[in-house]
């Protein structure tokens, strides 16, 4: 089952990247974040935080 997931991660340079994706598991969100920002990310992503969103959350696209 897919859920809307917000992911935030930091690269080695200290840059923070985030996104909201409709995925089956957190690893998919991490992979999509890395793909979306591949030209900007330096090194690997660390400090990864995933949070499932519910329809009542403001950032959840299903909320609209």
C-alpha atoms as a PDB file:
ATOM      1  CA  UNK A   1       0.000   0.000   0.000  1.00  0.00           C
ATOM      2  CA  UNK A   2       1.326   3.405  -0.922  1.00  0.00           C
ATOM      3  CA  UNK A   3       1.543   6.240   1.588  1.00  0.00           C
ATOM      4  CA  UNK A   4       2.603   9.839   1.255  1.00  0.00           C
ATOM      5  CA  UNK A   5       6.016  10.120   2.891  1.00  0.00           C
ATOM      6  CA  UNK A   6       8.037  13.219   3.694  1.00  0.00           C
ATOM      7  CA  UNK A   7      11.786  12.626   3.655  1.00  0.00           C
ATOM      8  CA  UNK A   8      14.568  14.925   4.781  1.00  0.00           C
ATOM      9  CA  UNK A   9      18.263  14.116   4.394  1.00  0.00           C
ATOM     10  CA  UNK A  10      21.632  15.843   4.621  1.00  0.00           C
ATOM     11  CA  UNK A  11      24.650  15.268   2.412  1.00  0.00           C
ATOM     12  CA  UNK A  12      28.329  15.380   3.428  1.00  0.00           C
ATOM     13  CA  UNK A  13      28.557  19.094   2.625  1.00  0.00           C
ATOM     14  CA  UNK A  14      25.761  19.835   5.111  1.00  0.00           C
ATOM     15  CA  UNK A  15      23.132  20.642   2.479  1.00  0.00           C
ATOM     16  CA  UNK A  16      19.613  19.549   3.400  1.00  0.00           C
ATOM     17  CA  UNK A  17      17.220  18.068   0.848  1.00  0.00           C
ATOM     18  CA  UNK A  18      13.570  17.178   1.313  1.00  0.00           C
ATOM     19  CA  UNK A  19      10.605  15.941  -0.651  1.00  0.00           C
ATOM     20  CA  UNK A  20       7.162  14.369  -0.407  1.00  0.00           C
ATOM     21  CA  UNK A  21       6.600  11.142  -2.333  1.00  0.00           C
ATOM     22  CA  UNK A  22       3.826   8.568  -2.683  1.00  0.00           C
ATOM     23  CA  UNK A  23       5.778   5.356  -2.025  1.00  0.00           C
ATOM     24  CA  UNK A  24       5.409   1.815  -0.666  1.00  0.00           C
ATOM     25  CA  UNK A  25       8.375   1.950   1.723  1.00  0.00           C
ATOM     26  CA  UNK A  26      10.865   4.528   3.062  1.00  0.00           C
ATOM     27  CA  UNK A  27      13.731   3.219   0.892  1.00  0.00           C
ATOM     28  CA  UNK A  28      11.765   4.206  -2.220  1.00  0.00           C
ATOM     29  CA  UNK A  29      11.430   7.761  -0.877  1.00  0.00           C
ATOM     30  CA  UNK A  30      15.177   7.917  -0.242  1.00  0.00           C
ATOM     31  CA  UNK A  31      15.916   6.633  -3.754  1.00  0.00           C
ATOM     32  CA  UNK A  32      13.569   9.163  -5.353  1.00  0.00           C
ATOM     33  CA  UNK A  33      15.013  12.030  -3.312  1.00  0.00           C
ATOM     34  CA  UNK A  34      18.522  11.048  -4.407  1.00  0.00           C
ATOM     35  CA  UNK A  35      17.392  10.831  -8.034  1.00  0.00           C
ATOM     36  CA  UNK A  36      15.587  14.190  -7.958  1.00  0.00           C
ATOM     37  CA  UNK A  37      18.658  15.958  -6.549  1.00  0.00           C
ATOM     38  CA  UNK A  38      21.469  13.821  -7.979  1.00  0.00           C
ATOM     39  CA  UNK A  39      23.324  16.770  -9.519  1.00  0.00           C
ATOM     40  CA  UNK A  40      23.295  18.682  -6.216  1.00  0.00           C
ATOM     41  CA  UNK A  41      24.064  15.971  -3.647  1.00  0.00           C
ATOM     42  CA  UNK A  42      27.710  15.709  -2.616  1.00  0.00           C
ATOM     43  CA  UNK A  43      28.651  12.314  -1.247  1.00  0.00           C
ATOM     44  CA  UNK A  44      26.046  10.103   0.301  1.00  0.00           C
ATOM     45  CA  UNK A  45      22.908  11.082   2.175  1.00  0.00           C
ATOM     46  CA  UNK A  46      23.066  10.947   5.953  1.00  0.00           C
ATOM     47  CA  UNK A  47      20.718  11.934   8.771  1.00  0.00           C
ATOM     48  CA  UNK A  48      17.760  10.579   6.816  1.00  0.00           C
ATOM     49  CA  UNK A  49      14.347  11.109   8.388  1.00  0.00           C
ATOM     50  CA  UNK A  50      11.132   9.668   6.954  1.00  0.00           C
ATOM     51  CA  UNK A  51       7.653  10.540   8.154  1.00  0.00           C
ATOM     52  CA  UNK A  52       4.387   9.127   6.874  1.00  0.00           C
ATOM     53  CA  UNK A  53       1.770  11.784   6.199  1.00  0.00           C
ATOM     54  CA  UNK A  54      -1.925  11.450   6.901  1.00  0.00           C
ATOM     55  CA  UNK A  55      -4.719  13.152   4.936  1.00  0.00           C
ATOM     56  CA  UNK A  56      -5.040  15.764   7.717  1.00  0.00           C
ATOM     57  CA  UNK A  57      -1.419  16.913   7.392  1.00  0.00           C
ATOM     58  CA  UNK A  58      -1.006  20.213   5.589  1.00  0.00           C
ATOM     59  CA  UNK A  59       1.891  18.976   3.413  1.00  0.00           C
ATOM     60  CA  UNK A  60       0.031  15.861   2.307  1.00  0.00           C
ATOM     61  CA  UNK A  61      -1.060  16.179  -1.344  1.00  0.00           C
ATOM     62  CA  UNK A  62      -4.135  14.083  -0.504  1.00  0.00           C
ATOM     63  CA  UNK A  63      -5.216  16.932   1.806  1.00  0.00           C
ATOM     64  CA  UNK A  64      -6.041  19.247  -1.112  1.00  0.00           C
END
